[in-house]
Amino acid sequence: MADSIEFYFSELARGTIAEGAVCRFQTLEARAVCSSCGSQFRPRSATFTCPDCRSPVFELKQGQELFIESIDVSGAEYPQSEGIELQ
């Protein structure tokens, strides 16, 4: 996923004040809970079953999040937009 975001970000940023910006990613380990026995486990592949009861029914609890912690624009030169104050 990070590769796709980096690719599209660089394409969309071309010709804007964001051109040349860098994306940094921290990935979270996937975690699942079996809907049949309640076991918590880490999925090891795209297709998997509960390691305890072998049920294929589960809920993914972690690993699909996308959270932007911060955007740093220090040092960037950009035009002042009317009605918008940039600090």
PDB file of N, CA and C in Angstrom:
ATOM      1  N   MET A   1       0.813  -1.185   0.000  1.00  0.00           N
ATOM      2  CA  MET A   1       0.000   0.000   0.000  1.00  0.00           C
ATOM      3  C   MET A   1       0.865   1.260   0.000  1.00  0.00           C
ATOM      4  N   ALA A   2       1.953   1.249   0.759  1.00  0.00           N
ATOM      5  CA  ALA A   2       2.815   2.423   0.831  1.00  0.00           C
ATOM      6  C   ALA A   2       3.357   2.792  -0.555  1.00  0.00           C
ATOM      7  N   ASP A   3       3.703   1.786  -1.352  1.00  0.00           N
ATOM      8  CA  ASP A   3       4.220   2.050  -2.699  1.00  0.00           C
ATOM      9  C   ASP A   3       3.180   2.767  -3.556  1.00  0.00           C
ATOM     10  N   SER A   4       1.931   2.345  -3.462  1.00  0.00           N
ATOM     11  CA  SER A   4       0.861   2.978  -4.244  1.00  0.00           C
ATOM     12  C   SER A   4       0.652   4.424  -3.812  1.00  0.00           C
ATOM     13  N   ILE A   5       0.640   4.656  -2.505  1.00  0.00           N
ATOM     14  CA  ILE A   5       0.441   6.015  -2.006  1.00  0.00           C
ATOM     15  C   ILE A   5       1.595   6.910  -2.449  1.00  0.00           C
ATOM     16  N   GLU A   6       2.828   6.420  -2.328  1.00  0.00           N
ATOM     17  CA  GLU A   6       3.985   7.212  -2.754  1.00  0.00           C
ATOM     18  C   GLU A   6       3.912   7.545  -4.236  1.00  0.00           C
ATOM     19  N   PHE A   7       3.536   6.572  -5.057  1.00  0.00           N
ATOM     20  CA  PHE A   7       3.450   6.792  -6.498  1.00  0.00           C
ATOM     21  C   PHE A   7       2.417   7.864  -6.819  1.00  0.00           C
ATOM     22  N   TYR A   8       1.207   7.686  -6.312  1.00  0.00           N
ATOM     23  CA  TYR A   8       0.140   8.640  -6.626  1.00  0.00           C
ATOM     24  C   TYR A   8       0.396  10.007  -6.001  1.00  0.00           C
ATOM     25  N   PHE A   9       0.970  10.035  -4.822  1.00  0.00           N
ATOM     26  CA  PHE A   9       1.294  11.305  -4.187  1.00  0.00           C
ATOM     27  C   PHE A   9       2.290  12.084  -5.046  1.00  0.00           C
ATOM     28  N   SER A  10       3.346  11.424  -5.505  1.00  0.00           N
ATOM     29  CA  SER A  10       4.336  12.133  -6.324  1.00  0.00           C
ATOM     30  C   SER A  10       3.738  12.602  -7.642  1.00  0.00           C
ATOM     31  N   GLU A  11       2.828  11.811  -8.217  1.00  0.00           N
ATOM     32  CA  GLU A  11       2.170  12.218  -9.459  1.00  0.00           C
ATOM     33  C   GLU A  11       1.253  13.420  -9.234  1.00  0.00           C
ATOM     34  N   LEU A  12       0.478  13.379  -8.167  1.00  0.00           N
ATOM     35  CA  LEU A  12      -0.445  14.480  -7.882  1.00  0.00           C
ATOM     36  C   LEU A  12       0.274  15.736  -7.407  1.00  0.00           C
ATOM     37  N   ALA A  13       1.434  15.573  -6.803  1.00  0.00           N
ATOM     38  CA  ALA A  13       2.184  16.709  -6.275  1.00  0.00           C
ATOM     39  C   ALA A  13       2.983  17.438  -7.354  1.00  0.00           C
ATOM     40  N   ARG A  14       3.208  16.793  -8.471  1.00  0.00           N
ATOM     41  CA  ARG A  14       4.014  17.397  -9.541  1.00  0.00           C
ATOM     42  C   ARG A  14       3.454  18.753  -9.934  1.00  0.00           C
ATOM     43  N   GLY A  15       4.320  19.773  -9.905  1.00  0.00           N
ATOM     44  CA  GLY A  15       3.922  21.119 -10.286  1.00  0.00           C
ATOM     45  C   GLY A  15       3.247  21.898  -9.176  1.00  0.00           C
ATOM     46  N   THR A  16       3.201  21.333  -7.969  1.00  0.00           N
ATOM     47  CA  THR A  16       2.590  22.019  -6.828  1.00  0.00           C
ATOM     48  C   THR A  16       3.653  22.263  -5.761  1.00  0.00           C
ATOM     49  N   ILE A  17       3.264  22.935  -4.678  1.00  0.00           N
ATOM     50  CA  ILE A  17       4.224  23.165  -3.593  1.00  0.00           C
ATOM     51  C   ILE A  17       4.620  21.857  -2.916  1.00  0.00           C
ATOM     52  N   ALA A  18       3.879  20.798  -3.139  1.00  0.00           N
ATOM     53  CA  ALA A  18       4.194  19.499  -2.540  1.00  0.00           C
ATOM     54  C   ALA A  18       5.188  18.689  -3.366  1.00  0.00           C
ATOM     55  N   GLU A  19       5.567  19.184  -4.545  1.00  0.00           N
ATOM     56  CA  GLU A  19       6.521  18.454  -5.376  1.00  0.00           C
ATOM     57  C   GLU A  19       7.832  18.284  -4.623  1.00  0.00           C
ATOM     58  N   GLY A  20       8.327  17.073  -4.607  1.00  0.00           N
ATOM     59  CA  GLY A  20       9.571  16.771  -3.901  1.00  0.00           C
ATOM     60  C   GLY A  20       9.374  16.379  -2.439  1.00  0.00           C
ATOM     61  N   ALA A  21       8.131  16.450  -1.962  1.00  0.00           N
ATOM     62  CA  ALA A  21       7.851  16.072  -0.575  1.00  0.00           C
ATOM     63  C   ALA A  21       8.073  14.580  -0.389  1.00  0.00           C
ATOM     64  N   VAL A  22       8.325  14.185   0.840  1.00  0.00           N
ATOM     65  CA  VAL A  22       8.616  12.797   1.166  1.00  0.00           C
ATOM     66  C   VAL A  22       7.514  12.234   2.064  1.00  0.00           C
ATOM     67  N   CYS A  23       7.069  11.032   1.772  1.00  0.00           N
ATOM     68  CA  CYS A  23       6.111  10.325   2.624  1.00  0.00           C
ATOM     69  C   CYS A  23       6.879   9.300   3.446  1.00  0.00           C
ATOM     70  N   ARG A  24       6.571   9.243   4.729  1.00  0.00           N
ATOM     71  CA  ARG A  24       7.179   8.241   5.609  1.00  0.00           C
ATOM     72  C   ARG A  24       6.057   7.394   6.186  1.00  0.00           C
ATOM     73  N   PHE A  25       6.252   6.076   6.197  1.00  0.00           N
ATOM     74  CA  PHE A  25       5.215   5.153   6.643  1.00  0.00           C
ATOM     75  C   PHE A  25       5.705   4.292   7.793  1.00  0.00           C
ATOM     76  N   GLN A  26       4.802   4.014   8.707  1.00  0.00           N
ATOM     77  CA  GLN A  26       5.028   3.040   9.763  1.00  0.00           C
ATOM     78  C   GLN A  26       3.879   2.050   9.650  1.00  0.00           C
ATOM     79  N   THR A  27       4.191   0.806   9.408  1.00  0.00           N
ATOM     80  CA  THR A  27       3.130  -0.185   9.230  1.00  0.00           C
ATOM     81  C   THR A  27       2.834  -0.907  10.542  1.00  0.00           C
ATOM     82  N   LEU A  28       1.583  -1.283  10.691  1.00  0.00           N
ATOM     83  CA  LEU A  28       1.143  -2.048  11.848  1.00  0.00           C
ATOM     84  C   LEU A  28       0.944  -3.497  11.436  1.00  0.00           C
ATOM     85  N   GLU A  29       1.277  -4.381  12.330  1.00  0.00           N
ATOM     86  CA  GLU A  29       1.084  -5.803  12.106  1.00  0.00           C
ATOM     87  C   GLU A  29      -0.412  -6.113  12.083  1.00  0.00           C
ATOM     88  N   ALA A  30      -0.844  -6.935  11.146  1.00  0.00           N
ATOM     89  CA  ALA A  30      -2.255  -7.327  11.078  1.00  0.00           C
ATOM     90  C   ALA A  30      -2.602  -8.207  12.276  1.00  0.00           C
ATOM     91  N   ARG A  31      -3.796  -7.992  12.833  1.00  0.00           N
ATOM     92  CA  ARG A  31      -4.307  -8.784  13.955  1.00  0.00           C
ATOM     93  C   ARG A  31      -5.752  -9.147  13.643  1.00  0.00           C
ATOM     94  N   ALA A  32      -6.124 -10.374  13.955  1.00  0.00           N
ATOM     95  CA  ALA A  32      -7.479 -10.850  13.704  1.00  0.00           C
ATOM     96  C   ALA A  32      -8.024 -11.556  14.937  1.00  0.00           C
ATOM     97  N   VAL A  33      -9.360 -11.638  15.005  1.00  0.00           N
ATOM     98  CA  VAL A  33     -10.048 -12.376  16.061  1.00  0.00           C
ATOM     99  C   VAL A  33     -10.987 -13.365  15.377  1.00  0.00           C
ATOM    100  N   CYS A  34     -10.872 -14.617  15.771  1.00  0.00           N
ATOM    101  CA  CYS A  34     -11.722 -15.663  15.215  1.00  0.00           C
ATOM    102  C   CYS A  34     -13.153 -15.461  15.696  1.00  0.00           C
ATOM    103  N   SER A  35     -14.095 -15.478  14.763  1.00  0.00           N
ATOM    104  CA  SER A  35     -15.505 -15.309  15.104  1.00  0.00           C
ATOM    105  C   SER A  35     -16.104 -16.566  15.730  1.00  0.00           C
ATOM    106  N   SER A  36     -15.434 -17.694  15.552  1.00  0.00           N
ATOM    107  CA  SER A  36     -15.950 -18.954  16.096  1.00  0.00           C
ATOM    108  C   SER A  36     -15.478 -19.221  17.516  1.00  0.00           C
ATOM    109  N   CYS A  37     -14.168 -19.083  17.779  1.00  0.00           N
ATOM    110  CA  CYS A  37     -13.645 -19.440  19.101  1.00  0.00           C
ATOM    111  C   CYS A  37     -13.084 -18.251  19.885  1.00  0.00           C
ATOM    112  N   GLY A  38     -12.979 -17.068  19.244  1.00  0.00           N
ATOM    113  CA  GLY A  38     -12.494 -15.875  19.935  1.00  0.00           C
ATOM    114  C   GLY A  38     -10.988 -15.755  20.028  1.00  0.00           C
ATOM    115  N   SER A  39     -10.276 -16.686  19.445  1.00  0.00           N
ATOM    116  CA  SER A  39      -8.817 -16.644  19.478  1.00  0.00           C
ATOM    117  C   SER A  39      -8.296 -15.411  18.734  1.00  0.00           C
ATOM    118  N   GLN A  40      -7.293 -14.752  19.288  1.00  0.00           N
ATOM    119  CA  GLN A  40      -6.645 -13.621  18.618  1.00  0.00           C
ATOM    120  C   GLN A  40      -5.366 -14.143  17.974  1.00  0.00           C
ATOM    121  N   PHE A  41      -5.151 -13.746  16.717  1.00  0.00           N
ATOM    122  CA  PHE A  41      -3.978 -14.245  16.010  1.00  0.00           C
ATOM    123  C   PHE A  41      -3.513 -13.263  14.949  1.00  0.00           C
ATOM    124  N   ARG A  42      -2.318 -13.494  14.446  1.00  0.00           N
ATOM    125  CA  ARG A  42      -1.737 -12.678  13.392  1.00  0.00           C
ATOM    126  C   ARG A  42      -1.848 -13.434  12.071  1.00  0.00           C
ATOM    127  N   PRO A  43      -2.629 -12.924  11.131  1.00  0.00           N
ATOM    128  CA  PRO A  43      -2.740 -13.583   9.818  1.00  0.00           C
ATOM    129  C   PRO A  43      -1.368 -13.650   9.145  1.00  0.00           C
ATOM    130  N   ARG A  44      -1.078 -14.767   8.527  1.00  0.00           N
ATOM    131  CA  ARG A  44       0.229 -14.975   7.892  1.00  0.00           C
ATOM    132  C   ARG A  44       0.191 -14.868   6.371  1.00  0.00           C
ATOM    133  N   SER A  45      -1.015 -14.842   5.778  1.00  0.00           N
ATOM    134  CA  SER A  45      -1.125 -14.738   4.320  1.00  0.00           C
ATOM    135  C   SER A  45      -2.487 -14.145   3.974  1.00  0.00           C
ATOM    136  N   ALA A  46      -2.731 -13.980   2.695  1.00  0.00           N
ATOM    137  CA  ALA A  46      -4.001 -13.392   2.245  1.00  0.00           C
ATOM    138  C   ALA A  46      -5.177 -14.335   2.507  1.00  0.00           C
ATOM    139  N   THR A  47      -4.948 -15.634   2.451  1.00  0.00           N
ATOM    140  CA  THR A  47      -5.992 -16.609   2.763  1.00  0.00           C
ATOM    141  C   THR A  47      -5.519 -17.418   3.965  1.00  0.00           C
ATOM    142  N   PHE A  48      -6.303 -17.428   5.016  1.00  0.00           N
ATOM    143  CA  PHE A  48      -5.888 -18.127   6.231  1.00  0.00           C
ATOM    144  C   PHE A  48      -7.107 -18.550   7.041  1.00  0.00           C
ATOM    145  N   THR A  49      -6.861 -19.388   8.025  1.00  0.00           N
ATOM    146  CA  THR A  49      -7.884 -19.833   8.965  1.00  0.00           C
ATOM    147  C   THR A  49      -7.349 -19.639  10.374  1.00  0.00           C
ATOM    148  N   CYS A  50      -8.230 -19.713  11.349  1.00  0.00           N
ATOM    149  CA  CYS A  50      -7.837 -19.591  12.753  1.00  0.00           C
ATOM    150  C   CYS A  50      -6.836 -20.708  13.077  1.00  0.00           C
ATOM    151  N   PRO A  51      -5.726 -20.385  13.698  1.00  0.00           N
ATOM    152  CA  PRO A  51      -4.746 -21.426  14.027  1.00  0.00           C
ATOM    153  C   PRO A  51      -5.239 -22.394  15.113  1.00  0.00           C
ATOM    154  N   ASP A  52      -6.263 -22.006  15.882  1.00  0.00           N
ATOM    155  CA  ASP A  52      -6.760 -22.866  16.951  1.00  0.00           C
ATOM    156  C   ASP A  52      -7.884 -23.796  16.497  1.00  0.00           C
ATOM    157  N   CYS A  53      -8.913 -23.241  15.828  1.00  0.00           N
ATOM    158  CA  CYS A  53     -10.071 -24.072  15.457  1.00  0.00           C
ATOM    159  C   CYS A  53     -10.212 -24.270  13.942  1.00  0.00           C
ATOM    160  N   ARG A  54      -9.365 -23.626  13.172  1.00  0.00           N
ATOM    161  CA  ARG A  54      -9.349 -23.727  11.697  1.00  0.00           C
ATOM    162  C   ARG A  54     -10.553 -23.094  11.014  1.00  0.00           C
ATOM    163  N   SER A  55     -11.293 -22.267  11.729  1.00  0.00           N
ATOM    164  CA  SER A  55     -12.438 -21.574  11.130  1.00  0.00           C
ATOM    165  C   SER A  55     -11.927 -20.487  10.178  1.00  0.00           C
ATOM    166  N   PRO A  56     -12.586 -20.348   9.028  1.00  0.00           N
ATOM    167  CA  PRO A  56     -12.196 -19.280   8.098  1.00  0.00           C
ATOM    168  C   PRO A  56     -12.939 -17.967   8.379  1.00  0.00           C
ATOM    169  N   VAL A  57     -13.739 -17.928   9.451  1.00  0.00           N
ATOM    170  CA  VAL A  57     -14.544 -16.748   9.770  1.00  0.00           C
ATOM    171  C   VAL A  57     -13.821 -15.951  10.858  1.00  0.00           C
ATOM    172  N   PHE A  58     -13.483 -14.699  10.540  1.00  0.00           N
ATOM    173  CA  PHE A  58     -12.699 -13.881  11.461  1.00  0.00           C
ATOM    174  C   PHE A  58     -13.032 -12.414  11.248  1.00  0.00           C
ATOM    175  N   GLU A  59     -12.561 -11.581  12.160  1.00  0.00           N
ATOM    176  CA  GLU A  59     -12.680 -10.128  12.012  1.00  0.00           C
ATOM    177  C   GLU A  59     -11.281  -9.542  12.125  1.00  0.00           C
ATOM    178  N   LEU A  60     -10.899  -8.759  11.141  1.00  0.00           N
ATOM    179  CA  LEU A  60      -9.605  -8.100  11.174  1.00  0.00           C
ATOM    180  C   LEU A  60      -9.698  -6.916  12.119  1.00  0.00           C
ATOM    181  N   LYS A  61      -8.878  -6.893  13.166  1.00  0.00           N
ATOM    182  CA  LYS A  61      -8.934  -5.860  14.195  1.00  0.00           C
ATOM    183  C   LYS A  61      -7.857  -4.791  14.025  1.00  0.00           C
ATOM    184  N   GLN A  62      -6.788  -5.112  13.330  1.00  0.00           N
ATOM    185  CA  GLN A  62      -5.686  -4.160  13.143  1.00  0.00           C
ATOM    186  C   GLN A  62      -4.969  -4.480  11.846  1.00  0.00           C
ATOM    187  N   GLY A  63      -4.485  -3.440  11.184  1.00  0.00           N
ATOM    188  CA  GLY A  63      -3.700  -3.648   9.979  1.00  0.00           C
ATOM    189  C   GLY A  63      -4.267  -2.994   8.738  1.00  0.00           C
ATOM    190  N   GLN A  64      -5.432  -2.360   8.856  1.00  0.00           N
ATOM    191  CA  GLN A  64      -6.029  -1.687   7.705  1.00  0.00           C
ATOM    192  C   GLN A  64      -6.076  -0.178   7.899  1.00  0.00           C
ATOM    193  N   GLU A  65      -5.522   0.307   9.011  1.00  0.00           N
ATOM    194  CA  GLU A  65      -5.600   1.724   9.333  1.00  0.00           C
ATOM    195  C   GLU A  65      -4.717   2.561   8.406  1.00  0.00           C
ATOM    196  N   LEU A  66      -5.139   3.779   8.212  1.00  0.00           N
ATOM    197  CA  LEU A  66      -4.322   4.788   7.553  1.00  0.00           C
ATOM    198  C   LEU A  66      -4.519   6.070   8.345  1.00  0.00           C
ATOM    199  N   PHE A  67      -3.477   6.515   8.985  1.00  0.00           N
ATOM    200  CA  PHE A  67      -3.536   7.677   9.852  1.00  0.00           C
ATOM    201  C   PHE A  67      -2.412   8.617   9.472  1.00  0.00           C
ATOM    202  N   ILE A  68      -2.738   9.881   9.196  1.00  0.00           N
ATOM    203  CA  ILE A  68      -1.725  10.885   8.891  1.00  0.00           C
ATOM    204  C   ILE A  68      -1.409  11.603  10.183  1.00  0.00           C
ATOM    205  N   GLU A  69      -0.201  11.376  10.678  1.00  0.00           N
ATOM    206  CA  GLU A  69       0.200  11.969  11.946  1.00  0.00           C
ATOM    207  C   GLU A  69       0.502  13.445  11.805  1.00  0.00           C
ATOM    208  N   SER A  70       1.214  13.823  10.756  1.00  0.00           N
ATOM    209  CA  SER A  70       1.536  15.234  10.583  1.00  0.00           C
ATOM    210  C   SER A  70       1.905  15.531   9.145  1.00  0.00           C
ATOM    211  N   ILE A  71       1.806  16.805   8.827  1.00  0.00           N
ATOM    212  CA  ILE A  71       2.251  17.323   7.536  1.00  0.00           C
ATOM    213  C   ILE A  71       3.110  18.533   7.854  1.00  0.00           C
ATOM    214  N   ASP A  72       4.366  18.473   7.469  1.00  0.00           N
ATOM    215  CA  ASP A  72       5.323  19.542   7.756  1.00  0.00           C
ATOM    216  C   ASP A  72       5.588  20.305   6.467  1.00  0.00           C
ATOM    217  N   VAL A  73       5.248  21.588   6.442  1.00  0.00           N
ATOM    218  CA  VAL A  73       5.480  22.410   5.257  1.00  0.00           C
ATOM    219  C   VAL A  73       6.519  23.491   5.525  1.00  0.00           C
ATOM    220  N   SER A  74       7.303  23.324   6.572  1.00  0.00           N
ATOM    221  CA  SER A  74       8.318  24.333   6.881  1.00  0.00           C
ATOM    222  C   SER A  74       9.325  24.430   5.743  1.00  0.00           C
ATOM    223  N   GLY A  75       9.712  25.637   5.451  1.00  0.00           N
ATOM    224  CA  GLY A  75      10.685  25.884   4.392  1.00  0.00           C
ATOM    225  C   GLY A  75      10.082  25.934   3.006  1.00  0.00           C
ATOM    226  N   ALA A  76       8.825  25.609   2.873  1.00  0.00           N
ATOM    227  CA  ALA A  76       8.177  25.641   1.562  1.00  0.00           C
ATOM    228  C   ALA A  76       7.784  27.068   1.224  1.00  0.00           C
ATOM    229  N   GLU A  77       7.940  27.395  -0.033  1.00  0.00           N
ATOM    230  CA  GLU A  77       7.496  28.701  -0.502  1.00  0.00           C
ATOM    231  C   GLU A  77       6.211  28.484  -1.287  1.00  0.00           C
ATOM    232  N   TYR A  78       5.165  29.209  -0.901  1.00  0.00           N
ATOM    233  CA  TYR A  78       3.884  29.046  -1.566  1.00  0.00           C
ATOM    234  C   TYR A  78       3.165  30.384  -1.585  1.00  0.00           C
ATOM    235  N   PRO A  79       2.335  30.579  -2.577  1.00  0.00           N
ATOM    236  CA  PRO A  79       1.599  31.844  -2.679  1.00  0.00           C
ATOM    237  C   PRO A  79       0.513  31.936  -1.625  1.00  0.00           C
ATOM    238  N   GLN A  80       0.268  33.126  -1.143  1.00  0.00           N
ATOM    239  CA  GLN A  80      -0.793  33.362  -0.169  1.00  0.00           C
ATOM    240  C   GLN A  80      -2.130  33.363  -0.915  1.00  0.00           C
ATOM    241  N   SER A  81      -3.049  32.531  -0.498  1.00  0.00           N
ATOM    242  CA  SER A  81      -4.374  32.483  -1.105  1.00  0.00           C
ATOM    243  C   SER A  81      -5.276  33.491  -0.413  1.00  0.00           C
ATOM    244  N   GLU A  82      -6.124  34.118  -1.187  1.00  0.00           N
ATOM    245  CA  GLU A  82      -7.044  35.113  -0.645  1.00  0.00           C
ATOM    246  C   GLU A  82      -8.002  34.463   0.352  1.00  0.00           C
ATOM    247  N   GLY A  83      -8.074  35.038   1.549  1.00  0.00           N
ATOM    248  CA  GLY A  83      -8.990  34.544   2.563  1.00  0.00           C
ATOM    249  C   GLY A  83      -8.446  33.386   3.377  1.00  0.00           C
ATOM    250  N   ILE A  84      -7.233  32.918   3.080  1.00  0.00           N
ATOM    251  CA  ILE A  84      -6.648  31.800   3.811  1.00  0.00           C
ATOM    252  C   ILE A  84      -5.320  32.255   4.407  1.00  0.00           C
ATOM    253  N   GLU A  85      -5.200  32.135   5.698  1.00  0.00           N
ATOM    254  CA  GLU A  85      -3.959  32.532   6.357  1.00  0.00           C
ATOM    255  C   GLU A  85      -3.139  31.274   6.634  1.00  0.00           C
ATOM    256  N   LEU A  86      -1.943  31.192   6.065  1.00  0.00           N
ATOM    257  CA  LEU A  86      -1.062  30.063   6.269  1.00  0.00           C
ATOM    258  C   LEU A  86      -0.020  30.437   7.300  1.00  0.00           C
ATOM    259  N   GLN A  87       0.148  29.572   8.298  1.00  0.00           N
ATOM    260  CA  GLN A  87       1.120  29.847   9.352  1.00  0.00           C
ATOM    261  C   GLN A  87       2.161  28.771   9.418  1.00  0.00           C
TER     262      GLN A  87
END
